[in-house]
Amino acid sequence: MKSNVARMPSLRDLRKYVNDTLCQLSDFEPGAFRFTERLLVRGERPCGMIYCVHGPRNCKLTAIWETERNQVLFYGSAGERLGRTTIGEAPSLKPESGASPAARFSRPRLAAMA
């Protein structure tokens, strides 16, 4: 299992890193497949994000950013853990003013990869 340490000052940087890493682990072309993300909430507080690359033939690769330990865990399509990255400088998951985390991320979102 691969283990790294990385610095991700923004959610955009983290999103790109996760997408690129998941694609690299399965020899997918980055940006060629749909990439979704969803906020994980414990109680009313955000506690992480789950990311998914929807590959060919219903193949799904996932990563979970767990904010308490500031690490991203990468999983293959069979659910096996493929790697771990510790985030040295992590972005904030604070909701926009006036919006609860659950309301802000009530449906899976497609992340635009520019």
C-alpha atoms as a PDB file:
ATOM      1  CA  MET A   1       0.000   0.000   0.000  1.00  0.00           C
ATOM      2  CA  LYS A   2       1.357   3.369  -1.033  1.00  0.00           C
ATOM      3  CA  SER A   3       1.645   6.098   1.631  1.00  0.00           C
ATOM      4  CA  ASN A   4       2.453   9.775   0.979  1.00  0.00           C
ATOM      5  CA  VAL A   5       2.406  13.181   2.636  1.00  0.00           C
ATOM      6  CA  ALA A   6       1.007  16.122   0.660  1.00  0.00           C
ATOM      7  CA  ARG A   7       0.069  19.773   1.099  1.00  0.00           C
ATOM      8  CA  MET A   8      -3.379  20.799  -0.191  1.00  0.00           C
ATOM      9  CA  PRO A   9      -4.175  24.454   0.557  1.00  0.00           C
ATOM     10  CA  SER A  10      -7.503  24.468  -1.341  1.00  0.00           C
ATOM     11  CA  LEU A  11     -10.369  22.110  -2.088  1.00  0.00           C
ATOM     12  CA  ARG A  12      -9.609  22.487  -5.788  1.00  0.00           C
ATOM     13  CA  ASP A  13      -6.034  21.238  -5.221  1.00  0.00           C
ATOM     14  CA  LEU A  14      -7.300  18.314  -3.142  1.00  0.00           C
ATOM     15  CA  ARG A  15      -9.948  17.430  -5.745  1.00  0.00           C
ATOM     16  CA  LYS A  16      -7.359  17.427  -8.555  1.00  0.00           C
ATOM     17  CA  TYR A  17      -4.891  15.374  -6.488  1.00  0.00           C
ATOM     18  CA  VAL A  18      -7.541  12.768  -5.640  1.00  0.00           C
ATOM     19  CA  ASN A  19      -8.782  12.496  -9.233  1.00  0.00           C
ATOM     20  CA  ASP A  20      -5.246  12.204 -10.624  1.00  0.00           C
ATOM     21  CA  THR A  21      -4.232   9.615  -8.002  1.00  0.00           C
ATOM     22  CA  LEU A  22      -7.315   7.443  -8.500  1.00  0.00           C
ATOM     23  CA  CYS A  23      -6.799   7.516 -12.254  1.00  0.00           C
ATOM     24  CA  GLN A  24      -3.093   6.691 -11.904  1.00  0.00           C
ATOM     25  CA  LEU A  25      -3.815   3.724  -9.623  1.00  0.00           C
ATOM     26  CA  SER A  26      -6.036   2.146 -12.293  1.00  0.00           C
ATOM     27  CA  ASP A  27      -4.300   3.376 -15.450  1.00  0.00           C
ATOM     28  CA  PHE A  28      -7.186   5.680 -16.402  1.00  0.00           C
ATOM     29  CA  GLU A  29      -6.714   8.891 -18.341  1.00  0.00           C
ATOM     30  CA  PRO A  30      -7.286  11.805 -15.893  1.00  0.00           C
ATOM     31  CA  GLY A  31     -10.438  13.700 -16.819  1.00  0.00           C
ATOM     32  CA  ALA A  32     -11.746  10.967 -19.140  1.00  0.00           C
ATOM     33  CA  PHE A  33     -14.313   9.659 -16.668  1.00  0.00           C
ATOM     34  CA  ARG A  34     -16.990  11.229 -14.501  1.00  0.00           C
ATOM     35  CA  PHE A  35     -15.731  12.373 -11.081  1.00  0.00           C
ATOM     36  CA  THR A  36     -18.159  13.018  -8.221  1.00  0.00           C
ATOM     37  CA  GLU A  37     -17.795  14.237  -4.663  1.00  0.00           C
ATOM     38  CA  ARG A  38     -20.035  14.330  -1.628  1.00  0.00           C
ATOM     39  CA  LEU A  39     -19.678  15.901   1.788  1.00  0.00           C
ATOM     40  CA  LEU A  40     -19.622  13.528   4.763  1.00  0.00           C
ATOM     41  CA  VAL A  41     -21.438  14.872   7.818  1.00  0.00           C
ATOM     42  CA  ARG A  42     -21.389  13.627  11.404  1.00  0.00           C
ATOM     43  CA  GLY A  43     -24.252  15.214  13.297  1.00  0.00           C
ATOM     44  CA  GLU A  44     -24.458  18.670  11.730  1.00  0.00           C
ATOM     45  CA  ARG A  45     -20.698  19.074  11.250  1.00  0.00           C
ATOM     46  CA  PRO A  46     -18.725  18.194   8.122  1.00  0.00           C
ATOM     47  CA  CYS A  47     -16.191  15.437   8.796  1.00  0.00           C
ATOM     48  CA  GLY A  48     -14.839  14.650   5.330  1.00  0.00           C
ATOM     49  CA  MET A  49     -15.492  14.104   1.657  1.00  0.00           C
ATOM     50  CA  ILE A  50     -15.990  11.019  -0.461  1.00  0.00           C
ATOM     51  CA  TYR A  51     -14.763  11.138  -4.045  1.00  0.00           C
ATOM     52  CA  CYS A  52     -15.550   8.681  -6.836  1.00  0.00           C
ATOM     53  CA  VAL A  53     -14.210   8.129 -10.346  1.00  0.00           C
ATOM     54  CA  HIS A  54     -16.870   6.330 -12.409  1.00  0.00           C
ATOM     55  CA  GLY A  55     -14.760   4.304 -14.831  1.00  0.00           C
ATOM     56  CA  PRO A  56     -15.635   1.945 -17.668  1.00  0.00           C
ATOM     57  CA  ARG A  57     -17.929  -1.063 -17.205  1.00  0.00           C
ATOM     58  CA  ASN A  58     -19.373   0.293 -13.945  1.00  0.00           C
ATOM     59  CA  CYS A  59     -15.922   0.356 -12.316  1.00  0.00           C
ATOM     60  CA  LYS A  60     -15.904   2.778  -9.372  1.00  0.00           C
ATOM     61  CA  LEU A  61     -12.756   3.946  -7.607  1.00  0.00           C
ATOM     62  CA  THR A  62     -13.216   5.878  -4.382  1.00  0.00           C
ATOM     63  CA  ALA A  63     -11.249   8.012  -1.968  1.00  0.00           C
ATOM     64  CA  ILE A  64     -12.284   9.284   1.439  1.00  0.00           C
ATOM     65  CA  TRP A  65     -10.811  12.435   2.954  1.00  0.00           C
ATOM     66  CA  GLU A  66     -11.154  12.053   6.700  1.00  0.00           C
ATOM     67  CA  THR A  67     -10.655  15.470   8.298  1.00  0.00           C
ATOM     68  CA  GLU A  68     -10.064  14.372  11.904  1.00  0.00           C
ATOM     69  CA  ARG A  69      -6.787  12.647  10.977  1.00  0.00           C
ATOM     70  CA  ASN A  70      -6.323  14.724   7.798  1.00  0.00           C
ATOM     71  CA  GLN A  71      -5.752  11.760   5.552  1.00  0.00           C
ATOM     72  CA  VAL A  72      -7.102  10.531   2.251  1.00  0.00           C
ATOM     73  CA  LEU A  73      -7.679   6.797   1.867  1.00  0.00           C
ATOM     74  CA  PHE A  74      -7.820   5.396  -1.677  1.00  0.00           C
ATOM     75  CA  TYR A  75      -9.868   2.302  -2.549  1.00  0.00           C
ATOM     76  CA  GLY A  76     -10.034   0.140  -5.670  1.00  0.00           C
ATOM     77  CA  SER A  77     -13.148  -1.133  -7.407  1.00  0.00           C
ATOM     78  CA  ALA A  78     -13.230  -4.271  -5.212  1.00  0.00           C
ATOM     79  CA  GLY A  79     -13.034  -2.201  -2.021  1.00  0.00           C
ATOM     80  CA  GLU A  80      -9.370  -2.930  -1.324  1.00  0.00           C
ATOM     81  CA  ARG A  81      -7.310  -0.103   0.129  1.00  0.00           C
ATOM     82  CA  LEU A  82      -4.720   1.003  -2.428  1.00  0.00           C
ATOM     83  CA  GLY A  83      -3.054   3.904  -0.678  1.00  0.00           C
ATOM     84  CA  ARG A  84      -3.048   6.600   1.943  1.00  0.00           C
ATOM     85  CA  THR A  85      -2.001  10.249   1.859  1.00  0.00           C
ATOM     86  CA  THR A  86      -1.579  12.386   4.944  1.00  0.00           C
ATOM     87  CA  ILE A  87      -2.522  16.000   4.292  1.00  0.00           C
ATOM     88  CA  GLY A  88      -0.043  18.383   5.896  1.00  0.00           C
ATOM     89  CA  GLU A  89      -1.954  21.588   5.150  1.00  0.00           C
ATOM     90  CA  ALA A  90      -5.616  20.837   4.538  1.00  0.00           C
ATOM     91  CA  PRO A  91      -8.409  23.055   3.189  1.00  0.00           C
ATOM     92  CA  SER A  92     -11.401  23.995   5.337  1.00  0.00           C
ATOM     93  CA  LEU A  93     -14.826  22.393   5.011  1.00  0.00           C
ATOM     94  CA  LYS A  94     -16.693  25.270   6.642  1.00  0.00           C
ATOM     95  CA  PRO A  95     -20.049  25.877   4.928  1.00  0.00           C
ATOM     96  CA  GLU A  96     -20.874  29.122   3.199  1.00  0.00           C
ATOM     97  CA  SER A  97     -22.620  31.601   5.464  1.00  0.00           C
ATOM     98  CA  GLY A  98     -26.284  30.790   5.990  1.00  0.00           C
ATOM     99  CA  ALA A  99     -26.135  27.277   4.543  1.00  0.00           C
ATOM    100  CA  SER A 100     -26.005  24.108   6.586  1.00  0.00           C
ATOM    101  CA  PRO A 101     -23.491  21.491   5.360  1.00  0.00           C
ATOM    102  CA  ALA A 102     -26.249  18.973   4.711  1.00  0.00           C
ATOM    103  CA  ALA A 103     -28.272  21.458   2.637  1.00  0.00           C
ATOM    104  CA  ARG A 104     -25.243  22.652   0.708  1.00  0.00           C
ATOM    105  CA  PHE A 105     -24.244  19.142  -0.393  1.00  0.00           C
ATOM    106  CA  SER A 106     -27.601  17.351  -0.416  1.00  0.00           C
ATOM    107  CA  ARG A 107     -26.975  15.723  -3.807  1.00  0.00           C
ATOM    108  CA  PRO A 108     -23.819  14.291  -5.372  1.00  0.00           C
ATOM    109  CA  ARG A 109     -22.030  16.969  -7.362  1.00  0.00           C
ATOM    110  CA  LEU A 110     -20.010  16.625 -10.485  1.00  0.00           C
ATOM    111  CA  ALA A 111     -16.649  18.255 -10.066  1.00  0.00           C
ATOM    112  CA  ALA A 112     -15.538  20.253 -13.067  1.00  0.00           C
ATOM    113  CA  MET A 113     -11.976  19.357 -13.857  1.00  0.00           C
ATOM    114  CA  ALA A 114     -10.396  22.274 -15.696  1.00  0.00           C
END
